C-alpha atoms as a PDB file:
ATOM      1  CA  MET A   1      61.880  85.305 110.958  1.00  0.00           C
ATOM      2  CA  GLN A   2      65.149  83.843 112.282  1.00  0.00           C
ATOM      3  CA  THR A   3      67.083  80.849 111.038  1.00  0.00           C
ATOM      4  CA  VAL A   4      68.547  78.369 113.468  1.00  0.00           C
ATOM      5  CA  ALA A   5      72.094  77.108 113.091  1.00  0.00           C
ATOM      6  CA  GLN A   6      72.087  73.509 111.952  1.00  0.00           C
ATOM      7  CA  SER A   7      74.836  71.017 112.615  1.00  0.00           C
ATOM      8  CA  PRO A   8      75.943  68.984 109.585  1.00  0.00           C
ATOM      9  CA  THR A   9      74.423  65.578 108.953  1.00  0.00           C
ATOM     10  CA  PRO A  10      76.324  63.062 111.075  1.00  0.00           C
ATOM     11  CA  SER A  11      78.375  60.474 109.263  1.00  0.00           C
ATOM     12  CA  LYS A  12      77.990  56.781 109.995  1.00  0.00           C
ATOM     13  CA  VAL A  13      79.587  55.682 113.245  1.00  0.00           C
ATOM     14  CA  PHE A  14      80.216  52.046 114.139  1.00  0.00           C
ATOM     15  CA  TYR A  15      80.865  50.239 117.390  1.00  0.00           C
ATOM     16  CA  ALA A  16      84.380  48.818 117.262  1.00  0.00           C
ATOM     17  CA  HIS A  17      87.237  47.233 119.195  1.00  0.00           C
ATOM     18  CA  LEU A  18      90.837  48.332 118.587  1.00  0.00           C
ATOM     19  CA  PHE A  19      93.426  46.122 120.237  1.00  0.00           C
ATOM     20  CA  ASP A  20      91.740  45.444 123.616  1.00  0.00           C
ATOM     21  CA  GLN A  21      89.733  48.666 123.891  1.00  0.00           C
ATOM     22  CA  ALA A  22      86.042  49.168 123.080  1.00  0.00           C
ATOM     23  CA  GLY A  23      84.853  52.336 121.377  1.00  0.00           C
ATOM     24  CA  ALA A  24      83.556  53.792 118.123  1.00  0.00           C
ATOM     25  CA  LEU A  25      84.874  54.106 114.587  1.00  0.00           C
ATOM     26  CA  VAL A  26      84.131  57.253 112.576  1.00  0.00           C
ATOM     27  CA  CYS A  27      85.354  58.682 109.258  1.00  0.00           C
ATOM     28  CA  VAL A  28      85.872  62.461 109.125  1.00  0.00           C
ATOM     29  CA  ASN A  29      87.269  64.119 105.979  1.00  0.00           C
ATOM     30  CA  LYS A  30      88.468  60.732 104.661  1.00  0.00           C
ATOM     31  CA  VAL A  31      90.418  60.033 107.879  1.00  0.00           C
ATOM     32  CA  ILE A  32      89.301  57.128 110.086  1.00  0.00           C
ATOM     33  CA  TYR A  33      89.339  57.729 113.836  1.00  0.00           C
ATOM     34  CA  PHE A  34      88.820  55.347 116.740  1.00  0.00           C
ATOM     35  CA  VAL A  35      87.238  56.987 119.785  1.00  0.00           C
ATOM     36  CA  GLY A  36      87.753  54.917 122.918  1.00  0.00           C
ATOM     37  CA  GLU A  37      85.245  54.658 125.763  1.00  0.00           C
ATOM     38  CA  ASP A  38      87.610  56.753 127.892  1.00  0.00           C
ATOM     39  CA  GLY A  39      87.548  59.600 125.348  1.00  0.00           C
ATOM     40  CA  THR A  40      90.884  58.940 123.654  1.00  0.00           C
ATOM     41  CA  ILE A  41      90.934  59.686 119.924  1.00  0.00           C
ATOM     42  CA  VAL A  42      93.324  57.698 117.719  1.00  0.00           C
ATOM     43  CA  GLU A  43      93.816  58.017 113.971  1.00  0.00           C
ATOM     44  CA  VAL A  44      93.619  54.496 112.558  1.00  0.00           C
ATOM     45  CA  GLU A  45      96.660  53.653 110.443  1.00  0.00           C
ATOM     46  CA  PRO A  46      97.024  50.713 108.013  1.00  0.00           C
ATOM     47  CA  ALA A  47      99.204  48.770 110.477  1.00  0.00           C
ATOM     48  CA  MET A  48      96.358  48.805 113.036  1.00  0.00           C
ATOM     49  CA  VAL A  49      93.732  47.240 110.761  1.00  0.00           C
ATOM     50  CA  ASN A  50      94.629  43.674 111.777  1.00  0.00           C
ATOM     51  CA  PHE A  51      93.703  44.562 115.376  1.00  0.00           C
ATOM     52  CA  LEU A  52      90.432  46.318 114.517  1.00  0.00           C
ATOM     53  CA  VAL A  53      87.018  44.664 114.789  1.00  0.00           C
ATOM     54  CA  VAL A  54      84.090  46.652 113.376  1.00  0.00           C
ATOM     55  CA  LEU A  55      80.686  45.838 114.857  1.00  0.00           C
ATOM     56  CA  GLY A  56      77.202  47.250 114.212  1.00  0.00           C
ATOM     57  CA  GLU A  57      76.251  50.808 113.302  1.00  0.00           C
ATOM     58  CA  MET A  58      75.466  53.258 116.111  1.00  0.00           C
ATOM     59  CA  GLN A  59      72.134  55.035 116.307  1.00  0.00           C
ATOM     60  CA  THR A  60      71.858  58.732 115.461  1.00  0.00           C
ATOM     61  CA  ALA A  61      72.130  60.043 119.035  1.00  0.00           C
ATOM     62  CA  ASP A  62      75.297  58.074 119.786  1.00  0.00           C
ATOM     63  CA  ALA A  63      76.794  59.075 116.442  1.00  0.00           C
ATOM     64  CA  GLN A  64      76.120  62.760 117.140  1.00  0.00           C
ATOM     65  CA  ARG A  65      77.739  62.452 120.587  1.00  0.00           C
ATOM     66  CA  ILE A  66      80.913  61.036 119.005  1.00  0.00           C
ATOM     67  CA  GLU A  67      80.991  63.783 116.369  1.00  0.00           C
ATOM     68  CA  ASP A  68      80.540  66.430 119.075  1.00  0.00           C
ATOM     69  CA  LEU A  69      83.466  64.905 120.958  1.00  0.00           C
ATOM     70  CA  LEU A  70      85.629  65.086 117.822  1.00  0.00           C
ATOM     71  CA  ALA A  71      84.624  68.745 117.359  1.00  0.00           C
ATOM     72  CA  GLY A  72      85.973  69.677 120.790  1.00  0.00           C
ATOM     73  CA  GLY A  73      83.094  68.847 123.095  1.00  0.00           C
ATOM     74  CA  TYR A  74      80.074  70.991 123.890  1.00  0.00           C
ATOM     75  CA  ALA A  75      82.078  74.242 123.979  1.00  0.00           C
ATOM     76  CA  GLY A  76      83.777  73.483 120.655  1.00  0.00           C
ATOM     77  CA  VAL A  77      80.448  72.772 118.965  1.00  0.00           C
ATOM     78  CA  ALA A  78      78.769  75.895 120.361  1.00  0.00           C
ATOM     79  CA  CYS A  79      81.647  78.168 119.325  1.00  0.00           C
ATOM     80  CA  SER A  80      82.027  76.730 115.811  1.00  0.00           C
ATOM     81  CA  ARG A  81      78.443  77.098 114.581  1.00  0.00           C
ATOM     82  CA  THR A  82      77.829  79.979 112.211  1.00  0.00           C
ATOM     83  CA  GLU A  83      74.728  82.145 112.364  1.00  0.00           C
ATOM     84  CA  GLY A  84      72.136  81.711 109.660  1.00  0.00           C
ATOM     85  CA  ARG A  85      73.527  78.453 108.278  1.00  0.00           C
ATOM     86  CA  LEU A  86      71.045  75.893 106.983  1.00  0.00           C
END
């Protein structure tokens, strides 16, 4: 019997607006990132909070897509999985 590599449980991801850009807000290792619709990734700093609007929570599929993007895209995810991990 073989075990299949599992990706970690996705964290909560929220729709958000930072300044005038729409995107998603995600917390990874206690660091908050804003991922813009164009793929830009920005670490949210305390000075930016006044310009941040957090909206509703994303569904699981959208949240996983954002986490895959943070992990380096499809190639980054495929190369980082370890064999036999549950």
